[in-house]
Amino acid sequence: MANIKSSKKRARQGIVKRERNLARKSALKTAVKKVLTAIAAGDVAAAQASFKEAQAKIARARGKGLLHANTAARKVSRLAQRIAATAK
C-alpha cells in the first residue's frame, strides 16, 4: 500500500477508473451481442437498429481510450459486413 498522500490518491483513482472501464467494456460487449443475436435471428431491421447503438458505444469507447482506434474501426466494419450479408 502507498504511504505518500498523492500515491494513495492515485491508487484510489485507479480503482475508480478500473470499475468504470469494466462497466463500459461490459456495455460494449452487450451492445455487440445484441447485433449478433439479431443477425442470427435474421431480423435485419432490429440488427440495423442495434448496430447504430453499438456503433455509438464503440466510438465512445475509442474516444475514452478503452479501445484502440483500429480495433474500433475493425469491430464496426465487421458488424456492418455481417448485417449487409444478412440483408442480401
N, C-alpha and C. Protein backbone atom coordinates (compact mmCIF):
# COMPACT_ATOMS: atom_id res chain seq x y z
N MET A 1 0.85 -1.19 0.00
CA MET A 1 0.00 0.00 0.00
C MET A 1 0.89 1.25 0.00
N ALA A 2 0.39 2.26 -0.68
CA ALA A 2 1.15 3.52 -0.79
C ALA A 2 1.19 4.24 0.55
N ASN A 3 2.27 4.97 0.79
CA ASN A 3 2.43 5.75 2.01
C ASN A 3 2.25 7.23 1.77
N ILE A 4 2.62 7.69 0.60
CA ILE A 4 2.55 9.12 0.29
C ILE A 4 1.12 9.48 -0.11
N LYS A 5 0.72 10.68 0.31
CA LYS A 5 -0.66 11.11 0.10
C LYS A 5 -1.06 11.07 -1.37
N SER A 6 -0.19 11.57 -2.24
CA SER A 6 -0.51 11.59 -3.67
C SER A 6 -0.58 10.18 -4.25
N SER A 7 0.23 9.27 -3.72
CA SER A 7 0.21 7.88 -4.17
C SER A 7 -1.08 7.20 -3.76
N LYS A 8 -1.57 7.52 -2.56
CA LYS A 8 -2.85 6.97 -2.09
C LYS A 8 -3.98 7.44 -3.00
N LYS A 9 -3.92 8.71 -3.36
CA LYS A 9 -4.95 9.28 -4.23
C LYS A 9 -4.93 8.60 -5.60
N ARG A 10 -3.73 8.41 -6.16
CA ARG A 10 -3.61 7.76 -7.46
C ARG A 10 -4.15 6.32 -7.40
N ALA A 11 -3.91 5.65 -6.28
CA ALA A 11 -4.41 4.29 -6.11
C ALA A 11 -5.94 4.28 -6.10
N ARG A 12 -6.54 5.25 -5.40
CA ARG A 12 -8.00 5.36 -5.36
C ARG A 12 -8.54 5.65 -6.76
N GLN A 13 -7.89 6.57 -7.46
CA GLN A 13 -8.34 6.93 -8.80
C GLN A 13 -8.26 5.74 -9.74
N GLY A 14 -7.23 4.94 -9.56
CA GLY A 14 -7.06 3.75 -10.41
C GLY A 14 -8.20 2.76 -10.22
N ILE A 15 -8.63 2.60 -8.98
CA ILE A 15 -9.74 1.69 -8.68
C ILE A 15 -11.01 2.18 -9.35
N VAL A 16 -11.29 3.47 -9.21
CA VAL A 16 -12.49 4.05 -9.81
C VAL A 16 -12.45 3.91 -11.33
N LYS A 17 -11.30 4.19 -11.91
CA LYS A 17 -11.14 4.12 -13.36
C LYS A 17 -11.32 2.69 -13.86
N ARG A 18 -10.77 1.74 -13.12
CA ARG A 18 -10.88 0.33 -13.50
C ARG A 18 -12.35 -0.10 -13.51
N GLU A 19 -13.09 0.25 -12.47
CA GLU A 19 -14.51 -0.11 -12.40
C GLU A 19 -15.30 0.52 -13.54
N ARG A 20 -14.98 1.78 -13.83
CA ARG A 20 -15.67 2.48 -14.92
C ARG A 20 -15.36 1.82 -16.26
N ASN A 21 -14.10 1.46 -16.47
CA ASN A 21 -13.71 0.81 -17.72
C ASN A 21 -14.36 -0.56 -17.86
N LEU A 22 -14.44 -1.31 -16.77
CA LEU A 22 -15.10 -2.61 -16.81
C LEU A 22 -16.57 -2.48 -17.17
N ALA A 23 -17.23 -1.48 -16.61
CA ALA A 23 -18.65 -1.25 -16.91
C ALA A 23 -18.83 -0.88 -18.38
N ARG A 24 -17.96 -0.01 -18.88
CA ARG A 24 -18.06 0.39 -20.28
C ARG A 24 -17.80 -0.77 -21.22
N LYS A 25 -16.80 -1.59 -20.89
CA LYS A 25 -16.48 -2.75 -21.72
C LYS A 25 -17.63 -3.73 -21.74
N SER A 26 -18.24 -3.93 -20.58
CA SER A 26 -19.36 -4.85 -20.48
C SER A 26 -20.55 -4.35 -21.31
N ALA A 27 -20.84 -3.06 -21.23
CA ALA A 27 -21.93 -2.48 -22.02
C ALA A 27 -21.64 -2.60 -23.51
N LEU A 28 -20.38 -2.43 -23.87
CA LEU A 28 -19.96 -2.55 -25.27
C LEU A 28 -20.19 -3.97 -25.78
N LYS A 29 -19.77 -4.95 -24.98
CA LYS A 29 -19.94 -6.34 -25.37
C LYS A 29 -21.42 -6.70 -25.50
N THR A 30 -22.24 -6.18 -24.60
CA THR A 30 -23.67 -6.44 -24.64
C THR A 30 -24.29 -5.85 -25.91
N ALA A 31 -23.88 -4.64 -26.28
CA ALA A 31 -24.41 -4.00 -27.48
C ALA A 31 -24.03 -4.79 -28.72
N VAL A 32 -22.79 -5.27 -28.78
CA VAL A 32 -22.35 -6.06 -29.93
C VAL A 32 -23.11 -7.39 -29.98
N LYS A 33 -23.32 -7.97 -28.81
CA LYS A 33 -24.04 -9.25 -28.75
C LYS A 33 -25.49 -9.09 -29.23
N LYS A 34 -26.11 -7.95 -28.94
CA LYS A 34 -27.47 -7.68 -29.42
C LYS A 34 -27.51 -7.68 -30.94
N VAL A 35 -26.51 -7.08 -31.55
CA VAL A 35 -26.43 -7.04 -33.02
C VAL A 35 -26.29 -8.46 -33.56
N LEU A 36 -25.38 -9.22 -32.98
CA LEU A 36 -25.14 -10.58 -33.45
C LEU A 36 -26.37 -11.48 -33.26
N THR A 37 -27.09 -11.28 -32.17
CA THR A 37 -28.31 -12.05 -31.92
C THR A 37 -29.37 -11.73 -32.97
N ALA A 38 -29.51 -10.44 -33.30
CA ALA A 38 -30.48 -10.04 -34.31
C ALA A 38 -30.10 -10.59 -35.68
N ILE A 39 -28.81 -10.61 -35.98
CA ILE A 39 -28.34 -11.17 -37.25
C ILE A 39 -28.64 -12.67 -37.30
N ALA A 40 -28.38 -13.36 -36.21
CA ALA A 40 -28.63 -14.80 -36.15
C ALA A 40 -30.11 -15.12 -36.33
N ALA A 41 -30.96 -14.23 -35.82
CA ALA A 41 -32.40 -14.42 -35.96
C ALA A 41 -32.89 -14.05 -37.36
N GLY A 42 -32.04 -13.35 -38.11
CA GLY A 42 -32.41 -12.94 -39.46
C GLY A 42 -33.22 -11.66 -39.51
N ASP A 43 -33.29 -10.96 -38.40
CA ASP A 43 -34.06 -9.71 -38.31
C ASP A 43 -33.16 -8.54 -38.67
N VAL A 44 -33.23 -8.13 -39.95
CA VAL A 44 -32.33 -7.08 -40.45
C VAL A 44 -32.63 -5.73 -39.81
N ALA A 45 -33.93 -5.42 -39.64
CA ALA A 45 -34.31 -4.12 -39.08
C ALA A 45 -33.80 -3.97 -37.65
N ALA A 46 -33.98 -5.02 -36.85
CA ALA A 46 -33.51 -4.99 -35.46
C ALA A 46 -31.98 -4.94 -35.42
N ALA A 47 -31.35 -5.65 -36.35
CA ALA A 47 -29.88 -5.65 -36.40
C ALA A 47 -29.36 -4.26 -36.72
N GLN A 48 -30.00 -3.57 -37.66
CA GLN A 48 -29.54 -2.23 -38.02
C GLN A 48 -29.77 -1.24 -36.88
N ALA A 49 -30.89 -1.40 -36.17
CA ALA A 49 -31.17 -0.51 -35.04
C ALA A 49 -30.16 -0.72 -33.92
N SER A 50 -29.89 -1.98 -33.60
CA SER A 50 -28.93 -2.26 -32.53
C SER A 50 -27.50 -1.97 -32.98
N PHE A 51 -27.25 -2.05 -34.29
CA PHE A 51 -25.93 -1.70 -34.82
C PHE A 51 -25.63 -0.23 -34.61
N LYS A 52 -26.64 0.60 -34.79
CA LYS A 52 -26.46 2.05 -34.59
C LYS A 52 -26.05 2.33 -33.14
N GLU A 53 -26.70 1.66 -32.22
CA GLU A 53 -26.37 1.83 -30.79
C GLU A 53 -24.96 1.29 -30.49
N ALA A 54 -24.65 0.12 -31.05
CA ALA A 54 -23.34 -0.48 -30.83
C ALA A 54 -22.24 0.40 -31.42
N GLN A 55 -22.50 0.96 -32.59
CA GLN A 55 -21.52 1.82 -33.24
C GLN A 55 -21.21 3.04 -32.38
N ALA A 56 -22.25 3.60 -31.76
CA ALA A 56 -22.06 4.75 -30.88
C ALA A 56 -21.23 4.37 -29.65
N LYS A 57 -21.51 3.21 -29.09
CA LYS A 57 -20.75 2.76 -27.91
C LYS A 57 -19.29 2.47 -28.26
N ILE A 58 -19.07 1.91 -29.44
CA ILE A 58 -17.70 1.64 -29.88
C ILE A 58 -16.95 2.95 -30.07
N ALA A 59 -17.60 3.93 -30.68
CA ALA A 59 -16.96 5.23 -30.90
C ALA A 59 -16.64 5.91 -29.57
N ARG A 60 -17.56 5.79 -28.63
CA ARG A 60 -17.33 6.39 -27.31
C ARG A 60 -16.17 5.70 -26.60
N ALA A 61 -16.12 4.38 -26.69
CA ALA A 61 -15.03 3.63 -26.06
C ALA A 61 -13.70 4.01 -26.69
N ARG A 62 -13.71 4.25 -28.00
CA ARG A 62 -12.49 4.68 -28.69
C ARG A 62 -12.06 6.05 -28.18
N GLY A 63 -13.02 6.94 -28.05
CA GLY A 63 -12.72 8.29 -27.58
C GLY A 63 -12.20 8.33 -26.15
N LYS A 64 -12.66 7.39 -25.34
CA LYS A 64 -12.23 7.34 -23.94
C LYS A 64 -10.93 6.57 -23.76
N GLY A 65 -10.39 6.03 -24.86
CA GLY A 65 -9.14 5.30 -24.76
C GLY A 65 -9.31 3.85 -24.34
N LEU A 66 -10.53 3.37 -24.35
CA LEU A 66 -10.80 1.99 -23.95
C LEU A 66 -10.45 1.03 -25.07
N LEU A 67 -10.62 1.48 -26.31
CA LEU A 67 -10.28 0.68 -27.48
C LEU A 67 -9.30 1.47 -28.34
N HIS A 68 -8.40 0.76 -28.99
CA HIS A 68 -7.52 1.38 -29.97
C HIS A 68 -8.35 1.78 -31.18
N ALA A 69 -7.94 2.82 -31.86
CA ALA A 69 -8.70 3.34 -33.00
C ALA A 69 -8.92 2.28 -34.07
N ASN A 70 -7.89 1.52 -34.40
CA ASN A 70 -8.02 0.49 -35.43
C ASN A 70 -8.94 -0.65 -34.97
N THR A 71 -8.90 -0.98 -33.70
CA THR A 71 -9.76 -2.02 -33.15
C THR A 71 -11.22 -1.60 -33.27
N ALA A 72 -11.50 -0.36 -32.92
CA ALA A 72 -12.86 0.16 -33.02
C ALA A 72 -13.35 0.13 -34.46
N ALA A 73 -12.51 0.59 -35.39
CA ALA A 73 -12.88 0.61 -36.80
C ALA A 73 -13.12 -0.81 -37.31
N ARG A 74 -12.28 -1.74 -36.89
CA ARG A 74 -12.42 -3.14 -37.31
C ARG A 74 -13.74 -3.74 -36.82
N LYS A 75 -14.08 -3.47 -35.56
CA LYS A 75 -15.33 -4.00 -34.99
C LYS A 75 -16.54 -3.47 -35.74
N VAL A 76 -16.55 -2.16 -36.00
CA VAL A 76 -17.67 -1.54 -36.72
C VAL A 76 -17.76 -2.12 -38.13
N SER A 77 -16.63 -2.23 -38.79
CA SER A 77 -16.60 -2.74 -40.16
C SER A 77 -17.12 -4.17 -40.24
N ARG A 78 -16.69 -5.01 -39.33
CA ARG A 78 -17.11 -6.42 -39.37
C ARG A 78 -18.59 -6.57 -39.07
N LEU A 79 -19.10 -5.76 -38.14
CA LEU A 79 -20.54 -5.82 -37.85
C LEU A 79 -21.33 -5.37 -39.08
N ALA A 80 -20.88 -4.29 -39.73
CA ALA A 80 -21.55 -3.77 -40.91
C ALA A 80 -21.56 -4.80 -42.03
N GLN A 81 -20.45 -5.50 -42.20
CA GLN A 81 -20.36 -6.53 -43.23
C GLN A 81 -21.34 -7.66 -42.97
N ARG A 82 -21.46 -8.05 -41.71
CA ARG A 82 -22.37 -9.14 -41.37
C ARG A 82 -23.82 -8.75 -41.58
N ILE A 83 -24.15 -7.48 -41.26
CA ILE A 83 -25.51 -7.00 -41.49
C ILE A 83 -25.80 -6.96 -42.98
N ALA A 84 -24.85 -6.48 -43.76
CA ALA A 84 -25.03 -6.40 -45.21
C ALA A 84 -25.21 -7.79 -45.82
N ALA A 85 -24.47 -8.77 -45.31
CA ALA A 85 -24.59 -10.14 -45.82
C ALA A 85 -25.96 -10.72 -45.46
N THR A 86 -26.48 -10.37 -44.30
CA THR A 86 -27.80 -10.85 -43.87
C THR A 86 -28.90 -10.19 -44.69
N ALA A 87 -28.70 -8.94 -45.05
CA ALA A 87 -29.71 -8.19 -45.80
C ALA A 87 -29.89 -8.72 -47.21
N LYS A 88 -28.85 -9.37 -47.75
CA LYS A 88 -28.93 -9.88 -49.13
C LYS A 88 -29.90 -11.03 -49.26
